[in-house]
Structure formats: C-alpha cells, structure tokens
Amino acid sequence: MTDERDEFSFLPDDARDVGRTDPLPEVRRVEVDAGDGRVSALAWGPSPARVVLLHGAALNAHTWDATVLAGGFAALALDLPGHGDSAWRDDGDYGPETLGPVVARALDRWVSHGLVERGATLVGQSLGGLIGAVVAAYDPGLVAHLVLVDILPLPPGAAREVEAFLAGPAEFASRDEIVARALAFGLGGGRDRLERGVHLNTRVRPDGTVVWKHHLATLGGRAVLRLDADTLWTTIEGLGIPVDLVRAGRGLLTAEAAAELTRRSPGARAVVVDAGHNIQEDAPVELAGVLTELIGRDVS
C-alpha cells in the first residue's frame, strides 16, 4: 500500500517548523486554461492576492508552503507548465522565453477571476525568476515589482550542481532513495522538510516504482531549457519596474553577479540569506522576513 496523503496534510508540520501557532490560512487549488495547456496553482489567503510565486525547475508550488506560512501573506503560487499539477508540453520546451507568455496568460485569467491583483509583485526562484522577467516584459502592467531569488541570467554551466541533480534517474525504488540523493546534493532544508517535499513532487506507480511529477525527469537530454543570458539581461534592463534580488549565501550567485544587477538596474536591492540555492526550503522564515521588507505593502 502506498502512502498517498492529501497535498495539504503536511501544512501543520510546516507551520510547526516555522513557529506559526495561529490557525492555518485558507489555501485551495485553482487552475485555468492558458491557451497552451492547463496551469494549476495554490491560492493562499484572501483574494485578490498581491504576490505571485514561481518556483524553480523540477519543483512545484508547494516549495513555497513554509515561506507563505512564515510570512502570513496572501499569495498565488503556481505550478509551472510541466510541473506539479500543470500540463506537460508536447515539445518539451520549458525555457523562460516559451513559458513566460503562458504564465502571463494564466495570470491574466486569474486577474479576471479576482484571484490576483493586476500590478502584483512576482517572486521567482531560479528558473521561475527568469520566467518572471519574461512575464513582466510580455504584459506590461501585469507585474509591478520583480523579486529574483538566487537567480540572474547566467552563462552556460553556472548551475552545474542543479543540472547534475536533474540529470539523475527518472525512476526510484522508494521515496527514501530520492531523499538520500537530494541530501547528498545539499538540497531540501533538512530531512523532515525534504521528505515532505519529495512526497509532494513524486507519485507511486502501481508496481511500487516512484517517479517524479515533473516532465523534465522523463525528457533527459530532450528537455529544452534555453537560457540566453544576453537576451534575458536585455529583458530585465528594459522592464521599467523595481527589480530586487535575494541571493543565497551558499547558492548559485557570487557577490560579483549581484553587483552586475545593480549596475544594469540602478536602484535594485540585493539581500543575502544564509542558505543553499532553494532558499524557500532551506530558510523559509528568513526569506519570509526579507520578502516582507522588500515588498512592503504588497504582503499586507
């Protein structure tokens, strides 16, 4: 028998970990047809939300659970196409330039449904941050503030550890096997939290084999994650909205990389959090505090 728990059954454990003692906020799953496949999301708290959360490659909306619980703000956390409960793409193209317009159309539909404000703050971690920049450029006015979490346009090979983890097996004998592999790569924010994250990002086949829920795992070298650094820098420079950075002290970016953002986007703020690349899992309380400070009224 497999342990397929309800996706929200882990929230009390997350709340305990971040020191939250008041009642859990309302959270529900929502979805829209973005014209290029179904996009699913978690709607946290009262609508319309002022904050949109985009996760990194091979993760899903639940990666933000502990951060949202720690911060206590209303948010719409998306499953990017090809991840979580969102539809997979037939072409296997999950690059920012391809997913940005899809996410923008999904957000526009959720704006019309009253789930998120137009002119929201978009917080994107890793791949989600680069997609967020394309979203903001694709539909000016949809995003009023972009917060990049441990990501900037990077040259090829700058994210070797993340790429190595994604290049691993697509099938496992157990979830414990995945947890052990993730710990070896320094991912997950501790065993308990990592076990919850793995459970929410995998499914068990009838034969007992455990597989990832995201499409990247099945594509291997056929996955398309086109990251043109020059084009993405041009996109960020032309946004005309505040752009801030939360850098992981043990993540992908150096202080020199952060300085490049402030050079190209005058007024950008850069904050360092002592965490690995997945800050939202490693240090959710600290990240929630930083986001509250950076975003201000948007999380109230």
Protein backbone atom coordinates (compact mmCIF):
# COMPACT_ATOMS: atom_id res chain seq x y z
CA MET A 1 0.00 0.00 0.00
CA THR A 2 1.34 3.45 -0.91
CA ASP A 3 1.19 6.48 1.33
CA GLU A 4 -0.58 9.00 -0.92
CA ARG A 5 -1.56 11.71 1.52
CA ASP A 6 -3.66 14.76 0.71
CA GLU A 7 -1.44 17.57 -0.56
CA PHE A 8 -2.45 19.88 2.29
CA SER A 9 -1.96 17.34 5.07
CA PHE A 10 1.68 18.41 5.52
CA LEU A 11 0.85 22.05 6.34
CA PRO A 12 0.62 21.58 10.13
CA ASP A 13 4.18 20.21 10.08
CA ASP A 14 5.38 23.16 8.01
CA ALA A 15 3.63 25.57 10.37
CA ARG A 16 5.31 23.92 13.36
CA ASP A 17 8.72 24.18 11.71
CA VAL A 18 8.38 27.93 11.11
CA GLY A 19 6.91 28.62 14.56
CA ARG A 20 3.40 29.50 13.44
CA THR A 21 0.84 28.88 16.19
CA ASP A 22 -2.28 30.65 14.90
CA PRO A 23 -4.85 28.88 12.67
CA LEU A 24 -3.67 27.91 9.22
CA PRO A 25 -4.74 30.22 6.39
CA GLU A 26 -7.18 29.15 3.73
CA VAL A 27 -5.48 27.52 0.75
CA ARG A 28 -7.10 25.91 -2.26
CA ARG A 29 -6.05 24.57 -5.65
CA VAL A 30 -7.15 26.52 -8.71
CA GLU A 31 -6.49 26.11 -12.43
CA VAL A 32 -7.04 27.86 -15.74
CA ASP A 33 -6.57 27.06 -19.41
CA ALA A 34 -3.81 29.40 -20.57
CA GLY A 35 -4.42 28.64 -24.23
CA ASP A 36 -1.35 26.42 -24.31
CA GLY A 37 -2.27 23.88 -21.67
CA ARG A 38 -3.72 23.82 -18.17
CA VAL A 39 -1.89 25.80 -15.47
CA SER A 40 -2.53 24.93 -11.82
CA ALA A 41 -1.80 26.97 -8.70
CA LEU A 42 -2.32 27.25 -4.95
CA ALA A 43 -4.35 30.28 -3.84
CA TRP A 44 -3.32 31.29 -0.31
CA GLY A 45 -5.41 33.56 1.88
CA PRO A 46 -8.00 36.14 0.87
CA SER A 47 -8.25 37.17 -2.77
CA PRO A 48 -7.10 39.04 -4.68
CA ALA A 49 -3.51 38.21 -3.76
CA ARG A 50 -0.80 40.82 -4.23
CA VAL A 51 2.05 38.33 -4.53
CA VAL A 52 2.72 35.70 -7.21
CA LEU A 53 5.26 32.94 -6.53
CA LEU A 54 7.10 30.99 -9.26
CA HIS A 55 9.28 28.00 -8.36
CA GLY A 56 12.46 26.67 -9.95
CA ALA A 57 13.00 23.79 -12.36
CA ALA A 58 11.84 20.38 -11.12
CA LEU A 59 9.98 21.83 -8.12
CA ASN A 60 6.32 22.82 -7.69
CA ALA A 61 4.09 25.33 -5.90
CA HIS A 62 4.42 23.51 -2.57
CA THR A 63 8.08 24.54 -2.36
CA TRP A 64 6.72 27.89 -1.06
CA ASP A 65 4.44 26.43 1.67
CA ALA A 66 6.72 27.10 4.63
CA THR A 67 7.64 30.58 3.38
CA VAL A 68 4.00 31.59 2.97
CA LEU A 69 3.13 30.20 6.40
CA ALA A 70 6.06 32.06 7.95
CA GLY A 71 5.21 35.33 6.23
CA GLY A 72 1.46 35.16 6.66
CA PHE A 73 0.77 36.86 3.33
CA ALA A 74 -1.81 36.09 0.67
CA ALA A 75 -0.24 34.69 -2.49
CA LEU A 76 -0.84 32.76 -5.67
CA ALA A 77 1.82 30.04 -6.03
CA LEU A 78 1.93 28.48 -9.49
CA ASP A 79 2.90 25.05 -10.72
CA LEU A 80 4.89 25.99 -13.81
CA PRO A 81 3.93 24.16 -17.01
CA GLY A 82 5.41 20.66 -16.91
CA HIS A 83 5.49 20.66 -13.10
CA GLY A 84 3.15 19.70 -10.27
CA ASP A 85 -0.47 19.58 -11.46
CA SER A 86 0.08 21.72 -14.57
CA ALA A 87 0.02 20.21 -18.05
CA TRP A 88 3.15 18.89 -19.75
CA ARG A 89 4.26 20.37 -23.07
CA ASP A 90 4.48 18.11 -26.11
CA ASP A 91 7.56 19.99 -27.36
CA GLY A 92 9.45 19.63 -24.05
CA ASP A 93 10.31 23.34 -24.18
CA TYR A 94 10.48 24.80 -20.67
CA GLY A 95 12.73 27.77 -21.34
CA PRO A 96 11.81 31.24 -19.98
CA GLU A 97 11.00 32.71 -23.39
CA THR A 98 8.47 29.92 -24.01
CA LEU A 99 6.90 29.71 -20.55
CA GLY A 100 6.76 33.45 -19.87
CA PRO A 101 3.82 34.16 -22.22
CA VAL A 102 1.97 31.05 -20.98
CA VAL A 103 2.31 32.14 -17.35
CA ALA A 104 1.32 35.71 -18.26
CA ARG A 105 -1.89 34.50 -19.92
CA ALA A 106 -2.69 32.31 -16.91
CA LEU A 107 -2.18 35.23 -14.54
CA ASP A 108 -4.36 37.47 -16.70
CA ARG A 109 -7.18 34.92 -16.42
CA TRP A 110 -6.74 34.72 -12.66
CA VAL A 111 -6.87 38.52 -12.51
CA SER A 112 -10.23 38.38 -14.28
CA HIS A 113 -11.36 35.73 -11.76
CA GLY A 114 -10.42 38.00 -8.87
CA LEU A 115 -7.69 35.71 -7.51
CA VAL A 116 -4.72 38.03 -8.02
CA GLU A 117 -4.25 41.77 -8.46
CA ARG A 118 -3.04 43.25 -11.70
CA GLY A 119 0.18 45.01 -10.80
CA ALA A 120 1.21 42.31 -8.33
CA THR A 121 4.69 41.58 -7.05
CA LEU A 122 6.18 38.50 -8.69
CA VAL A 123 8.72 36.48 -6.70
CA GLY A 124 10.58 33.92 -8.79
CA GLN A 125 13.20 31.45 -7.63
CA SER A 126 15.77 30.04 -10.07
CA LEU A 127 14.05 29.28 -13.39
CA GLY A 128 10.90 30.92 -12.01
CA GLY A 129 12.73 34.23 -11.66
CA LEU A 130 13.84 34.25 -15.29
CA ILE A 131 10.32 33.34 -16.37
CA GLY A 132 9.04 36.17 -14.17
CA ALA A 133 11.18 38.67 -16.07
CA VAL A 134 9.67 37.49 -19.36
CA VAL A 135 6.16 37.67 -17.86
CA ALA A 136 6.70 41.28 -16.82
CA ALA A 137 8.01 42.21 -20.28
CA TYR A 138 5.26 40.31 -22.13
CA ASP A 139 2.38 42.09 -20.38
CA PRO A 140 3.44 45.50 -19.01
CA GLY A 141 1.30 46.39 -16.00
CA LEU A 142 0.67 42.78 -15.01
CA VAL A 143 3.74 42.83 -12.72
CA ALA A 144 4.70 45.95 -10.73
CA HIS A 145 7.72 44.55 -8.88
CA LEU A 146 10.02 41.60 -9.61
CA VAL A 147 11.98 39.82 -6.89
CA LEU A 148 14.57 37.33 -8.15
CA VAL A 149 15.51 34.57 -5.70
CA ASP A 150 19.06 33.27 -6.22
CA ILE A 151 18.97 33.72 -9.95
CA LEU A 152 20.24 36.07 -12.63
CA PRO A 153 20.97 35.46 -16.32
CA LEU A 154 23.91 33.10 -16.04
CA PRO A 155 26.39 31.72 -18.58
CA PRO A 156 26.14 28.02 -19.52
CA GLY A 157 27.45 25.70 -16.83
CA ALA A 158 26.97 28.13 -13.94
CA ALA A 159 24.40 25.84 -12.30
CA ARG A 160 26.32 22.56 -12.55
CA GLU A 161 25.08 21.05 -9.26
CA VAL A 162 21.43 21.72 -10.10
CA GLU A 163 21.93 20.36 -13.61
CA ALA A 164 23.62 17.24 -12.21
CA PHE A 165 20.74 16.57 -9.86
CA LEU A 166 18.19 16.97 -12.66
CA ALA A 167 20.23 14.61 -14.86
CA GLY A 168 19.76 11.77 -12.37
CA PRO A 169 17.49 8.72 -12.57
CA ALA A 170 13.83 9.09 -13.56
CA GLU A 171 12.65 6.10 -11.50
CA PHE A 172 13.38 5.05 -7.92
CA ALA A 173 12.66 2.07 -5.71
CA SER A 174 11.40 4.31 -2.90
CA ARG A 175 10.99 7.93 -1.84
CA ASP A 176 13.75 7.35 0.73
CA GLU A 177 16.13 6.78 -2.15
CA ILE A 178 15.28 10.22 -3.57
CA VAL A 179 15.65 11.85 -0.17
CA ALA A 180 19.11 10.35 0.26
CA ARG A 181 20.17 11.58 -3.18
CA ALA A 182 18.85 15.10 -2.53
CA LEU A 183 20.64 15.27 0.81
CA ALA A 184 23.86 14.26 -0.93
CA PHE A 185 23.40 17.30 -3.20
CA GLY A 186 22.74 19.57 -0.23
CA LEU A 187 19.09 20.20 -1.16
CA GLY A 188 15.92 20.39 0.87
CA GLY A 189 16.36 22.26 4.17
CA GLY A 190 16.66 19.22 6.45
CA ARG A 191 15.42 15.65 6.25
CA ASP A 192 11.88 16.18 7.57
CA ARG A 193 11.13 19.06 5.23
CA LEU A 194 12.82 17.28 2.35
CA GLU A 195 10.73 14.15 2.90
CA ARG A 196 7.58 16.26 2.65
CA GLY A 197 8.84 17.97 -0.49
CA VAL A 198 9.73 14.67 -2.15
CA HIS A 199 6.31 13.23 -1.31
CA LEU A 200 4.59 16.23 -2.93
CA ASN A 201 6.82 16.09 -6.02
CA THR A 202 6.52 12.37 -6.80
CA ARG A 203 3.93 9.70 -7.43
CA VAL A 204 3.96 5.93 -6.98
CA ARG A 205 3.13 3.66 -9.89
CA PRO A 206 1.01 0.53 -9.34
CA ASP A 207 4.20 -1.56 -9.37
CA GLY A 208 5.65 0.50 -6.49
CA THR A 209 8.14 2.45 -8.60
CA VAL A 210 8.46 6.08 -7.56
CA VAL A 211 8.65 8.71 -10.32
CA TRP A 212 8.85 12.50 -10.38
CA LYS A 213 5.73 14.51 -11.15
CA HIS A 214 7.65 16.98 -13.32
CA HIS A 215 8.17 16.37 -17.03
CA LEU A 216 11.90 17.15 -17.00
CA ALA A 217 12.65 13.81 -15.37
CA THR A 218 11.28 11.87 -18.32
CA LEU A 219 12.88 14.02 -21.02
CA GLY A 220 16.54 13.71 -20.08
CA GLY A 221 18.62 15.41 -22.76
CA ARG A 222 15.49 16.16 -24.78
CA ALA A 223 14.32 18.83 -22.32
CA VAL A 224 14.66 22.37 -23.65
CA LEU A 225 15.77 24.92 -21.05
CA ARG A 226 17.02 27.64 -23.34
CA LEU A 227 18.77 30.28 -21.21
CA ASP A 228 20.15 33.07 -23.40
CA ALA A 229 21.91 35.29 -20.85
CA ASP A 230 22.28 38.30 -23.15
CA THR A 231 18.61 38.26 -24.13
CA LEU A 232 17.46 37.84 -20.53
CA TRP A 233 19.67 40.70 -19.33
CA THR A 234 18.18 42.90 -22.04
CA THR A 235 14.72 41.89 -20.87
CA ILE A 236 15.48 42.76 -17.24
CA GLU A 237 17.11 46.09 -18.19
CA GLY A 238 14.03 47.12 -20.17
CA LEU A 239 11.36 46.29 -17.59
CA GLY A 240 10.91 49.73 -16.07
CA ILE A 241 9.77 48.29 -12.73
CA PRO A 242 11.66 47.70 -9.46
CA VAL A 243 13.82 44.57 -9.61
CA ASP A 244 15.36 43.18 -6.43
CA LEU A 245 17.49 40.15 -5.65
CA VAL A 246 17.59 37.72 -2.73
CA ARG A 247 20.88 35.85 -3.00
CA ALA A 248 21.66 32.56 -1.25
CA GLY A 249 24.95 32.71 0.62
CA ARG A 250 25.62 29.12 -0.47
CA GLY A 251 23.79 29.26 -3.78
CA LEU A 252 24.44 29.93 -7.45
CA LEU A 253 25.38 33.60 -7.37
CA THR A 254 28.51 35.45 -6.35
CA ALA A 255 28.70 38.97 -4.97
CA GLU A 256 30.10 39.99 -8.36
CA ALA A 257 27.00 38.63 -10.10
CA ALA A 258 24.76 40.58 -7.74
CA ALA A 259 26.77 43.72 -8.48
CA GLU A 260 26.04 43.20 -12.18
CA LEU A 261 22.30 43.51 -11.42
CA THR A 262 22.74 46.79 -9.57
CA ARG A 263 24.88 48.06 -12.45
CA ARG A 264 22.31 47.15 -15.07
CA SER A 265 19.24 48.00 -12.98
CA PRO A 266 20.04 51.08 -10.88
CA GLY A 267 18.09 51.08 -7.63
CA ALA A 268 17.96 47.30 -7.39
CA ARG A 269 18.43 45.97 -3.88
CA ALA A 270 20.37 42.79 -3.16
CA VAL A 271 19.97 40.90 0.12
CA VAL A 272 21.94 37.81 1.16
CA VAL A 273 20.36 34.94 3.11
CA ASP A 274 22.50 32.18 4.65
CA ALA A 275 21.03 29.25 2.72
CA GLY A 276 21.51 26.99 -0.26
CA HIS A 277 20.02 27.65 -3.70
CA ASN A 278 16.47 26.66 -2.65
CA ILE A 279 16.21 29.42 -0.03
CA GLN A 280 12.46 28.92 0.33
CA GLU A 281 13.13 25.40 1.67
CA ASP A 282 16.43 25.98 3.48
CA ALA A 283 15.50 29.20 5.30
CA PRO A 284 11.76 29.94 4.89
CA VAL A 285 11.49 32.14 7.99
CA GLU A 286 14.43 34.29 6.94
CA LEU A 287 13.18 34.51 3.36
CA ALA A 288 9.69 35.48 4.51
CA GLY A 289 11.19 38.30 6.56
CA VAL A 290 13.27 39.56 3.66
CA LEU A 291 10.30 39.44 1.28
CA THR A 292 8.12 41.34 3.72
CA GLU A 293 10.81 44.03 3.93
CA LEU A 294 11.38 44.21 0.16
CA ILE A 295 7.76 44.10 -0.88
CA GLY A 296 6.26 46.22 1.89
CA ARG A 297 2.58 46.92 1.34
CA ASP A 298 2.22 44.05 -1.14
CA VAL A 299 2.27 41.42 1.59
CA SER A 300 -0.02 43.27 4.00
